[in-house]
Protein backbone atom coordinates (compact mmCIF):
# COMPACT_ATOMS: atom_id res chain seq x y z
CA MET A 1 161.95 -58.81 88.09
CA GLN A 2 164.38 -56.38 89.50
CA ASN A 3 162.86 -53.53 91.61
CA THR A 4 164.06 -50.08 90.74
CA SER A 5 163.52 -47.14 93.25
CA VAL A 6 162.36 -43.92 91.74
CA PRO A 7 163.85 -40.70 93.30
CA LYS A 8 161.32 -38.51 95.14
CA PRO A 9 160.82 -35.26 93.29
CA LYS A 10 162.05 -32.09 95.09
CA SER A 11 159.43 -29.88 96.54
CA PRO A 12 159.26 -26.35 95.18
CA TYR A 13 159.04 -25.12 98.80
CA LYS A 14 161.96 -24.88 101.17
CA GLU A 15 161.83 -27.45 103.82
CA VAL A 16 161.32 -26.15 107.30
CA GLN A 17 164.57 -26.33 109.15
CA LYS A 18 164.85 -28.05 112.43
CA GLY A 19 164.83 -25.77 115.44
CA SER A 20 162.94 -22.84 113.81
CA ASN A 21 160.37 -22.73 116.69
CA LYS A 22 163.19 -22.01 119.13
CA ASN A 23 164.45 -19.11 117.03
CA LEU A 24 160.99 -17.56 116.97
CA ILE A 25 160.79 -17.68 120.75
CA ILE A 26 164.23 -16.06 121.09
CA THR A 27 163.26 -13.32 118.68
CA THR A 28 160.08 -12.61 120.60
CA VAL A 29 161.94 -12.45 123.91
CA VAL A 30 164.55 -10.09 122.44
CA LEU A 31 161.83 -7.78 121.17
CA LEU A 32 160.10 -7.77 124.54
CA VAL A 33 163.33 -6.97 126.32
CA PHE A 34 164.08 -4.19 123.84
CA PHE A 35 160.72 -2.53 124.26
CA SER A 36 160.92 -2.93 128.02
CA ILE A 37 164.28 -1.15 128.06
CA VAL A 38 162.91 1.61 125.83
CA GLY A 39 159.91 1.96 128.14
CA LEU A 40 162.07 2.17 131.24
CA VAL A 41 164.34 4.75 129.64
CA GLY A 42 161.30 6.78 128.56
CA LEU A 43 159.85 6.59 132.07
CA GLY A 44 163.16 7.69 133.55
CA VAL A 45 163.38 10.64 131.19
CA TYR A 46 159.79 11.63 132.02
CA SER A 47 160.47 11.43 135.75
CA PHE A 48 163.64 13.49 135.39
CA ILE A 49 161.85 16.16 133.40
CA LYS A 50 158.99 16.24 135.90
CA GLN A 51 161.32 16.53 138.90
CA THR A 52 163.42 19.17 137.19
CA GLY A 53 160.29 21.12 136.34
CA SER A 54 159.11 20.82 139.93
CA LYS A 55 162.45 22.11 141.22
CA VAL A 56 162.38 25.00 138.78
CA SER A 57 158.83 25.82 139.80
CA LYS A 58 159.75 25.67 143.47
CA SER A 59 162.80 27.82 142.86
CA GLU A 60 160.66 30.37 141.05
CA ASP A 61 158.17 30.33 143.92
CA THR A 62 161.00 30.86 146.38
CA VAL A 63 162.25 33.82 144.44
CA SER A 64 158.81 35.30 143.96
CA ASN A 65 157.79 34.77 147.61
CA ASN A 66 161.20 35.84 148.92
CA GLU A 67 161.24 33.11 151.56
CA TYR A 68 164.07 34.56 153.65
CA ILE A 69 164.61 32.84 157.00
CA THR A 70 166.24 34.69 159.89
CA GLU A 71 169.49 33.33 161.27
CA PHE A 72 170.88 34.32 164.68
CA ARG A 73 174.53 34.93 165.43
CA SER A 74 174.05 34.60 169.20
CA ASP A 75 171.63 34.79 172.15
CA ILE A 76 171.94 38.07 174.04
CA PRO A 77 171.35 37.97 177.84
CA SER A 78 169.01 40.71 179.07
CA SER A 79 168.88 42.14 182.57
CA CYS A 80 165.10 41.80 182.24
CA GLY A 81 165.39 38.04 182.78
CA TYR A 82 165.42 36.65 179.25
CA THR A 83 167.75 36.01 176.34
CA ILE A 84 166.95 37.18 172.83
CA GLY A 85 168.38 36.20 169.46
CA ARG A 86 170.56 38.65 167.57
CA PRO A 87 169.91 38.38 163.78
CA THR A 88 172.86 38.31 161.38
CA THR A 89 171.45 40.90 158.95
CA VAL A 90 173.69 43.88 158.19
CA LYS A 91 173.48 46.68 155.63
CA GLN A 92 176.50 48.42 154.17
CA THR A 93 174.88 51.41 152.47
CA PRO A 94 174.33 54.27 152.89
CA GLU A 95 175.73 53.51 156.36
CA TYR A 96 176.59 50.37 158.27
CA LEU A 97 173.50 49.04 160.06
CA GLU A 98 173.14 45.94 162.22
CA TRP A 99 171.06 44.45 165.03
CA THR A 100 172.14 45.96 168.33
CA TYR A 101 171.04 45.32 171.93
CA GLU A 102 170.99 48.16 174.49
CA GLU A 103 169.78 48.78 178.06
CA ARG A 104 169.12 51.93 180.06
CA PHE A 105 167.25 52.93 183.22
CA VAL A 106 164.33 55.29 182.60
CA ALA A 107 161.79 57.17 184.68
CA PRO A 108 159.15 55.28 186.74
CA GLU A 109 156.35 56.62 184.51
CA SER A 110 157.80 54.68 181.58
CA PHE A 111 156.11 51.56 182.98
CA ARG A 112 152.74 53.24 182.29
CA GLY A 113 151.41 52.81 185.83
CA LEU A 114 151.03 49.05 185.30
CA VAL A 115 152.43 48.30 188.76
CA PRO A 116 152.19 50.15 192.10
CA ALA A 117 154.43 53.21 192.39
CA ASP A 118 156.54 51.68 195.15
CA ILE A 119 157.65 49.00 192.66
CA SER A 120 158.38 51.20 189.62
CA SER A 121 160.18 53.78 191.79
CA LYS A 122 162.84 51.15 192.57
CA GLY A 123 163.92 51.20 188.92
CA VAL A 124 162.53 50.73 185.41
CA LEU A 125 164.93 49.27 182.86
CA LEU A 126 164.38 49.90 179.16
CA THR A 127 165.91 47.33 176.79
CA ALA A 128 165.82 47.08 173.01
CA MET A 129 167.05 44.81 170.25
CA SER A 130 167.05 47.25 167.33
CA PHE A 131 168.29 47.48 163.74
CA LYS A 132 170.29 50.69 163.46
CA GLY A 133 173.68 52.31 162.99
CA GLU A 134 176.30 53.40 165.48
CA LYS A 135 175.25 57.03 165.23
CA ASP A 136 171.71 55.97 166.22
CA SER A 137 172.83 54.46 169.49
CA TRP A 138 171.03 55.91 172.48
CA LYS A 139 172.59 59.31 172.26
CA ILE A 140 171.49 62.01 174.66
CA ALA A 141 169.16 64.28 172.72
CA ASP A 142 169.26 67.60 174.59
CA GLU A 143 171.75 69.84 176.28
CA ASN A 144 170.65 68.82 179.76
CA LYS A 145 171.38 65.19 178.87
CA THR A 146 168.07 63.95 180.29
CA SER A 147 166.39 62.59 177.18
CA TYR A 148 167.04 60.69 173.96
CA LYS A 149 165.07 59.61 170.92
CA TYR A 150 164.00 56.10 170.06
CA GLY A 151 162.25 54.88 166.92
CA PHE A 152 163.88 51.82 165.32
CA ALA A 153 162.62 48.44 164.13
CA GLY A 154 162.93 45.74 166.77
CA LEU A 155 161.57 44.58 170.12
CA VAL A 156 161.51 46.89 173.15
CA SER A 157 160.86 45.88 176.73
CA TYR A 158 160.50 47.63 180.06
CA CYS A 159 160.97 45.68 183.27
CA VAL A 160 160.76 46.12 187.04
CA ASN A 161 161.46 43.88 190.01
CA ASN A 162 158.69 41.46 191.04
CA PRO A 163 158.85 41.72 194.85
CA ASN A 164 155.43 40.10 195.37
CA ASN A 165 156.30 37.19 193.07
CA TRP A 166 153.30 37.81 190.83
CA SER A 167 152.38 35.23 188.23
CA LEU A 168 151.23 36.38 184.81
CA ASN A 169 147.61 35.99 185.96
CA ASP A 170 148.33 38.23 188.96
CA PHE A 171 149.87 40.80 186.62
CA ILE A 172 146.76 40.68 184.41
CA SER A 173 144.41 40.94 187.38
CA ASN A 174 146.17 44.07 188.55
CA ILE A 175 145.73 45.97 185.29
CA GLU A 176 142.05 45.02 185.09
CA LYS A 177 141.32 47.22 188.10
CA ILE A 178 143.61 50.24 187.73
CA SER A 179 141.98 52.26 184.92
CA THR A 180 141.58 55.96 185.73
CA ASP A 181 140.02 59.01 184.11
CA SER A 182 143.34 59.64 182.37
CA LEU A 183 144.42 56.15 181.32
CA LYS A 184 142.36 53.11 180.36
CA TYR A 185 143.93 49.64 180.49
CA SER A 186 142.24 46.79 178.62
CA ILE A 187 142.91 43.14 177.77
CA ASP A 188 143.37 42.85 174.01
CA GLY A 189 142.97 39.19 173.05
CA ASP A 190 144.06 35.79 174.31
CA LYS A 191 147.46 34.88 175.68
CA GLU A 192 150.20 34.17 173.15
CA THR A 193 153.36 32.07 173.30
CA TRP A 194 156.64 33.88 172.62
CA GLY A 195 159.53 31.44 172.79
CA GLU A 196 159.55 30.12 176.36
CA PHE A 197 157.10 32.73 177.66
CA SER A 198 153.37 33.15 177.84
CA VAL A 199 152.45 36.79 177.13
CA GLN A 200 149.19 38.72 177.41
CA PRO A 201 148.33 41.45 174.87
CA ILE A 202 146.91 44.62 176.42
CA ASN A 203 146.18 48.17 175.32
CA VAL A 204 146.84 51.46 177.09
CA GLU A 205 144.83 54.47 175.98
CA GLY A 206 144.44 57.98 177.33
CA ILE A 207 146.50 60.97 178.38
CA PHE A 208 150.12 60.36 179.23
CA ASN A 209 152.24 63.40 180.13
CA GLY A 210 149.82 65.74 178.41
CA SER A 211 149.61 63.77 175.15
CA TYR A 212 147.05 61.27 173.86
CA ILE A 213 148.40 57.72 173.50
CA ASN A 214 146.95 54.43 172.24
CA GLU A 215 149.61 51.77 172.75
CA PRO A 216 149.80 47.97 172.51
CA PHE A 217 151.89 46.08 175.06
CA PHE A 218 152.51 42.43 175.96
CA LEU A 219 152.75 41.47 179.65
CA ALA A 220 155.18 38.76 180.76
CA VAL A 221 156.90 37.45 183.88
CA THR A 222 160.52 36.24 183.67
CA SER A 223 162.77 34.32 186.08
CA ILE A 224 159.55 32.88 187.48
CA ASN A 225 159.45 31.50 191.03
CA THR A 226 162.76 33.06 192.02
CA ASP A 227 163.66 35.90 194.35
CA PHE A 228 164.84 37.92 191.34
CA SER A 229 161.81 37.65 189.08
CA ARG A 230 160.93 40.52 186.71
CA LEU A 231 157.64 41.97 185.50
CA VAL A 232 158.07 42.83 181.82
CA ILE A 233 156.09 44.70 179.18
CA PHE A 234 157.16 44.09 175.58
CA GLN A 235 156.47 46.39 172.66
CA PRO A 236 157.26 45.57 168.98
CA TRP A 237 158.47 48.20 166.53
CA GLY A 238 157.97 47.31 162.86
CA SER A 239 159.81 48.08 159.63
CA LYS A 240 158.72 48.73 156.05
CA GLU A 241 161.72 46.71 154.80
CA GLU A 242 160.64 43.10 154.23
CA ARG A 243 163.84 41.42 155.40
CA ILE A 244 164.08 43.55 158.57
CA GLU A 245 160.42 42.91 159.31
CA ILE A 246 161.00 39.15 158.99
CA ASP A 247 163.89 39.48 161.45
CA ARG A 248 161.71 41.52 163.79
CA LYS A 249 158.98 38.87 163.77
CA ALA A 250 161.60 36.20 164.55
CA LEU A 251 162.72 38.00 167.72
CA SER A 252 159.76 37.05 169.92
CA PRO A 253 160.00 33.27 169.18
CA SER A 254 163.70 33.45 170.10
CA LEU A 255 162.99 34.51 173.71
CA LYS A 256 164.25 32.15 176.43
CA ASN A 257 163.98 32.38 180.19
CA ARG A 258 167.08 33.49 182.06
CA ASP A 259 167.49 32.93 185.79
CA MET A 260 168.70 36.11 187.47
CA ASN A 261 170.83 36.28 190.61
CA SER A 262 170.31 39.92 191.58
CA LEU A 263 167.62 42.58 191.69
CA LEU A 264 167.38 45.52 189.33
CA GLN A 265 169.26 48.30 191.03
CA GLN A 266 169.31 51.83 189.70
CA THR A 267 172.74 53.10 190.69
CA THR A 268 172.04 56.78 190.15
CA ASP A 269 169.20 59.21 190.82
CA LYS A 270 169.60 60.52 187.28
CA VAL A 271 167.23 58.88 184.84
CA VAL A 272 166.50 59.72 181.25
CA THR A 273 163.45 60.41 179.16
CA THR A 274 162.63 58.51 176.00
CA ASN A 275 161.00 60.52 173.26
CA SER A 276 159.73 58.24 170.51
CA PRO A 277 158.96 59.84 167.15
CA VAL A 278 155.99 58.62 165.13
CA THR A 279 157.91 56.53 162.60
CA ASN A 280 156.80 52.99 163.40
CA ASN A 281 154.14 50.98 161.55
CA VAL A 282 153.43 48.61 164.46
CA ASN A 283 152.88 51.26 167.10
CA THR A 284 152.75 54.87 166.04
CA ASN A 285 151.92 56.54 169.35
CA ILE A 286 154.77 55.71 171.69
CA LEU A 287 155.74 58.58 173.95
CA VAL A 288 157.69 57.88 177.11
CA GLU A 289 158.29 61.00 179.12
CA GLU A 290 159.59 61.37 182.64
CA SER A 291 157.12 63.52 184.58
CA THR A 292 157.60 62.73 188.25
CA VAL A 293 160.58 61.61 190.31
CA PRO A 294 159.63 61.97 193.99
CA LYS A 295 162.48 62.26 196.48
CA GLN A 296 161.90 62.53 200.19
CA GLU A 297 163.55 65.37 202.10
CA SER A 298 163.37 66.30 205.75
CA LYS A 299 160.50 68.85 205.70
CA CYS A 300 158.97 68.45 202.28
CA SER A 301 158.55 66.04 199.40
CA ARG A 302 160.39 66.83 196.18
CA TYR A 303 158.32 66.38 193.04
CA LYS A 304 160.14 66.83 189.74
CA ILE A 305 158.16 67.58 186.57
CA TYR A 306 159.75 67.53 183.14
CA GLU A 307 156.85 68.59 180.92
CA GLY A 308 155.97 71.89 179.24
CA ASP A 309 154.73 74.79 181.34
CA PHE A 310 154.71 72.62 184.47
CA LYS A 311 158.45 71.95 184.35
CA SER A 312 159.77 72.31 187.89
CA ASP A 313 161.79 70.69 190.66
CA LYS A 314 160.41 71.79 194.03
CA CYS A 315 159.46 70.54 197.48
CA TYR A 316 155.85 70.58 198.69
CA SER A 317 153.96 70.00 201.89
CA GLU A 318 151.97 66.80 202.11
CA ASP A 319 148.67 68.58 201.41
CA ASP A 320 150.05 70.62 198.50
CA LEU A 321 151.62 67.55 196.91
CA ALA A 322 148.31 65.66 197.12
CA ASP A 323 146.52 68.63 195.50
CA LEU A 324 149.20 68.94 192.83
CA ARG A 325 148.87 65.30 191.83
CA TYR A 326 145.07 65.52 191.77
CA TYR A 327 144.88 68.66 189.63
CA ILE A 328 147.53 67.41 187.19
CA GLN A 329 145.30 64.36 186.71
CA GLN A 330 142.28 66.63 186.12
CA TYR A 331 144.31 68.68 183.66
CA ASN A 332 145.31 65.54 181.75
CA SER A 333 141.68 64.39 181.68
CA ALA A 334 140.61 67.74 180.20
CA VAL A 335 143.32 67.48 177.54
CA PHE A 336 142.09 64.00 176.68
CA SER A 337 138.49 65.22 176.31
CA ALA A 338 139.58 68.15 174.14
CA ASN A 339 141.63 65.90 171.86
CA ALA A 340 138.82 63.35 171.57
CA ALA A 341 136.27 66.04 170.72
CA SER A 342 138.63 67.63 168.20
CA SER A 343 139.11 64.28 166.45
CA SER A 344 135.37 63.69 166.31
CA MET A 345 134.76 67.16 164.88
CA LYS A 346 136.91 66.31 161.86
CA PHE A 347 134.35 63.70 160.81
CA THR A 348 131.09 65.34 161.87
CA CYS A 349 131.68 69.03 161.10
CA ASP A 350 132.12 68.63 157.35
CA GLY A 351 128.99 70.57 156.36
CA SER A 352 126.79 67.48 156.24
CA GLU A 353 123.24 67.95 157.58
CA PHE A 354 123.28 64.33 158.74
CA PHE A 355 125.98 65.03 161.36
CA LYS A 356 124.88 68.58 162.19
CA ASP A 357 123.62 67.76 165.70
CA ARG A 358 126.64 65.62 166.54
CA CYS A 359 128.93 68.37 165.30
CA SER A 360 127.31 70.82 167.71
CA GLU A 361 127.70 68.35 170.59
CA TYR A 362 131.39 67.84 169.90
CA LYS A 363 131.98 71.58 169.54
CA LYS A 364 130.42 72.14 172.96
CA GLN A 365 132.47 69.27 174.44
CA TYR A 366 135.62 70.77 172.95
CA GLU A 367 134.93 74.26 174.31
CA ASP A 368 134.05 72.92 177.78
CA ALA A 369 137.22 70.80 177.85
CA LYS A 370 139.32 73.80 176.85
CA LYS A 371 137.84 75.81 179.72
CA ASP A 372 138.56 72.99 182.17
CA LYS A 373 142.10 72.67 180.79
CA ASN A 374 142.77 76.37 181.33
CA LYS A 375 141.21 76.26 184.81
CA TYR A 376 143.25 73.29 185.99
CA GLU A 377 146.38 74.68 184.37
CA ASP A 378 146.05 77.85 186.49
CA ILE A 379 145.48 75.77 189.65
CA VAL A 380 148.52 73.57 188.98
CA LYS A 381 150.75 76.59 188.36
CA SER A 382 149.56 78.24 191.56
CA ILE A 383 150.44 75.13 193.59
CA ILE A 384 153.84 74.89 191.89
CA ALA A 385 154.46 78.53 192.83
CA LYS A 386 154.03 77.54 196.50
CA GLY A 387 156.79 74.94 196.25
CA LYS A 388 160.29 75.57 197.57
């Protein structure tokens, strides 16, 4: 019997093609790669936006905080034994203003009695890095050409020779023991670092040339351990303009030591007075007046006074000069007491029963001080009248 093969019926379902598992794997990999790329792009965009936002925020902070940083055009050498930076800031209106450095010899009293008289009498140099215009340069302020006005933002210094080669600690020790009835010297905090220098804050309070003062200073020694060292007192003068005040604060860190090769030498007997108006928000009581310039003559000692009713330029015997100095000091002390009592009366004599007793005490102190002032004024004038 002949065998006949019967064809296999077709399945209604499509036969799975060979290699379909491989295609599935490829598809999966492609999808993973795609989503990975999308994720990386998204992360990049997020980072960019975050960084941009951070920069914008920082920029806004910079604008709002006005983070101006002082730049210096040069270092200016000072005869006081240091160099100081000169800021680049200028103003065009209403006049041209810029940072300017100046020096000038002033009277021995300008050093506030912080060193013995035989040191300050050899010469006191006033220096200043100040923001001002040409017309504000140290012009002579009166017809006799013996005084000028000063009152500009910046850093002022006064310096003298250091013949005894004092260290800063020696300088400090000296002022701790020289307070008088007229002037009180006090340490005002710890030492600070200004550029290459260590400085000591102090305060000077009392009667200076007939006026009450309360002044901050900073002691320093420059050109240390040399034969031409200087004793320096610095004094900052502030500004209400933010940019100028930032410059002013940058001056002290810019200070560098400068080795000198000569002593301070005042080349003329003529010195000038500095009269500082009350226009400064760092120190509002600066008053530098020349009151005494002793000059030895053959039979008498010349004692020149530049202040008020005592203004004179005469020679005195040794005894009369000693009396004159003593009674001027007593006069200044009386003025100080009168001013102090007057200030206290403003707070206690306001009609309040609580301060009634204190008001009476200050009134008595004021009247007694006025009597002493008048008494010593008469004595001083009588001694001056004896001068030649």
